[in-house]
Amino acid sequence: MAIPVISVKGVVLGWALTRRRIAALRARGVPADEAERRVNPAAAAGKADWRILAGGLGFAAFTATAVLSDPP
């Protein structure tokens, strides 16, 4: 259970640091949309890489099949 807890803490920390950077830019007078774009330019694009998503789905399906089948 330690790994999921560490993972969630990492996500929360990343979110908090991003919000902190945006707040610092806003304090300098940068508009909200520009601050968001500067801190996270990939999110502004909003383009998903379907190959990675399909690979993850395939891995999940393979893992579920392996776990749910009754291996010898």
C-alpha atoms as a PDB file:
ATOM      1  CA  MET A   1       0.000   0.000   0.000  1.00  0.00           C
ATOM      2  CA  ALA A   2       2.997   2.319   0.264  1.00  0.00           C
ATOM      3  CA  ILE A   3       3.385   2.699  -3.491  1.00  0.00           C
ATOM      4  CA  PRO A   4      -0.163   4.000  -4.136  1.00  0.00           C
ATOM      5  CA  VAL A   5       0.149   6.403  -1.199  1.00  0.00           C
ATOM      6  CA  ILE A   6       3.463   7.732  -2.529  1.00  0.00           C
ATOM      7  CA  SER A   7       1.961   8.025  -6.000  1.00  0.00           C
ATOM      8  CA  VAL A   8      -1.033  10.012  -4.773  1.00  0.00           C
ATOM      9  CA  LYS A   9       1.235  12.253  -2.701  1.00  0.00           C
ATOM     10  CA  GLY A  10       3.328  12.922  -5.805  1.00  0.00           C
ATOM     11  CA  VAL A  11       0.266  13.900  -7.818  1.00  0.00           C
ATOM     12  CA  VAL A  12      -0.971  16.216  -5.061  1.00  0.00           C
ATOM     13  CA  LEU A  13       2.489  17.779  -4.694  1.00  0.00           C
ATOM     14  CA  GLY A  14       2.734  18.326  -8.451  1.00  0.00           C
ATOM     15  CA  TRP A  15      -0.682  19.951  -8.497  1.00  0.00           C
ATOM     16  CA  ALA A  16       0.227  22.221  -5.564  1.00  0.00           C
ATOM     17  CA  LEU A  17       3.513  23.293  -7.157  1.00  0.00           C
ATOM     18  CA  THR A  18       1.749  24.063 -10.431  1.00  0.00           C
ATOM     19  CA  ARG A  19      -0.868  26.184  -8.644  1.00  0.00           C
ATOM     20  CA  ARG A  20       1.943  27.941  -6.770  1.00  0.00           C
ATOM     21  CA  ARG A  21       3.766  28.820 -10.013  1.00  0.00           C
ATOM     22  CA  ILE A  22       0.556  30.098 -11.567  1.00  0.00           C
ATOM     23  CA  ALA A  23      -0.148  32.225  -8.490  1.00  0.00           C
ATOM     24  CA  ALA A  24       3.372  33.707  -8.681  1.00  0.00           C
ATOM     25  CA  LEU A  25       2.864  34.623 -12.336  1.00  0.00           C
ATOM     26  CA  ARG A  26      -0.544  36.111 -11.558  1.00  0.00           C
ATOM     27  CA  ALA A  27       1.037  38.207  -8.784  1.00  0.00           C
ATOM     28  CA  ARG A  28       3.386  39.661 -11.420  1.00  0.00           C
ATOM     29  CA  GLY A  29       0.396  40.725 -13.500  1.00  0.00           C
ATOM     30  CA  VAL A  30       0.259  37.873 -16.012  1.00  0.00           C
ATOM     31  CA  PRO A  31      -3.324  37.082 -17.101  1.00  0.00           C
ATOM     32  CA  ALA A  32      -4.721  33.750 -15.858  1.00  0.00           C
ATOM     33  CA  ASP A  33      -4.890  32.034 -19.261  1.00  0.00           C
ATOM     34  CA  GLU A  34      -1.339  33.120 -20.142  1.00  0.00           C
ATOM     35  CA  ALA A  35      -0.015  31.961 -16.757  1.00  0.00           C
ATOM     36  CA  GLU A  36      -1.671  28.567 -17.264  1.00  0.00           C
ATOM     37  CA  ARG A  37      -0.175  28.298 -20.751  1.00  0.00           C
ATOM     38  CA  ARG A  38       3.318  29.215 -19.499  1.00  0.00           C
ATOM     39  CA  VAL A  39       3.268  26.711 -16.644  1.00  0.00           C
ATOM     40  CA  ASN A  40       1.727  23.816 -18.565  1.00  0.00           C
ATOM     41  CA  PRO A  41       2.015  24.278 -22.343  1.00  0.00           C
ATOM     42  CA  ALA A  42       1.092  20.628 -23.058  1.00  0.00           C
ATOM     43  CA  ALA A  43      -2.283  21.017 -21.335  1.00  0.00           C
ATOM     44  CA  ALA A  44      -3.128  23.958 -23.565  1.00  0.00           C
ATOM     45  CA  ALA A  45      -2.702  21.755 -26.627  1.00  0.00           C
ATOM     46  CA  GLY A  46      -5.032  19.095 -25.219  1.00  0.00           C
ATOM     47  CA  LYS A  47      -3.938  16.426 -27.703  1.00  0.00           C
ATOM     48  CA  ALA A  48      -3.948  12.847 -26.443  1.00  0.00           C
ATOM     49  CA  ASP A  49      -1.476  10.284 -27.755  1.00  0.00           C
ATOM     50  CA  TRP A  50      -3.803   7.426 -28.631  1.00  0.00           C
ATOM     51  CA  ARG A  51      -0.944   4.958 -29.079  1.00  0.00           C
ATOM     52  CA  ILE A  52      -0.009   5.308 -25.415  1.00  0.00           C
ATOM     53  CA  LEU A  53      -3.632   5.077 -24.303  1.00  0.00           C
ATOM     54  CA  ALA A  54      -4.223   1.977 -26.441  1.00  0.00           C
ATOM     55  CA  GLY A  55      -1.034   0.383 -25.119  1.00  0.00           C
ATOM     56  CA  GLY A  56      -2.160   0.986 -21.541  1.00  0.00           C
ATOM     57  CA  LEU A  57      -5.576  -0.462 -22.272  1.00  0.00           C
ATOM     58  CA  GLY A  58      -3.988  -3.492 -23.938  1.00  0.00           C
ATOM     59  CA  PHE A  59      -1.722  -4.043 -20.943  1.00  0.00           C
ATOM     60  CA  ALA A  60      -4.668  -3.755 -18.552  1.00  0.00           C
ATOM     61  CA  ALA A  61      -6.660  -6.263 -20.605  1.00  0.00           C
ATOM     62  CA  PHE A  62      -3.713  -8.673 -20.732  1.00  0.00           C
ATOM     63  CA  THR A  63      -3.139  -8.369 -16.985  1.00  0.00           C
ATOM     64  CA  ALA A  64      -6.820  -8.846 -16.180  1.00  0.00           C
ATOM     65  CA  THR A  65      -6.955 -11.901 -18.437  1.00  0.00           C
ATOM     66  CA  ALA A  66      -3.858 -13.398 -16.849  1.00  0.00           C
ATOM     67  CA  VAL A  67      -5.147 -12.788 -13.319  1.00  0.00           C
ATOM     68  CA  LEU A  68      -8.713 -13.921 -13.904  1.00  0.00           C
ATOM     69  CA  SER A  69      -7.808 -17.060 -15.833  1.00  0.00           C
ATOM     70  CA  ASP A  70      -6.874 -20.074 -13.808  1.00  0.00           C
ATOM     71  CA  PRO A  71      -3.178 -20.597 -14.599  1.00  0.00           C
ATOM     72  CA  PRO A  72      -1.733 -24.034 -13.904  1.00  0.00           C
END
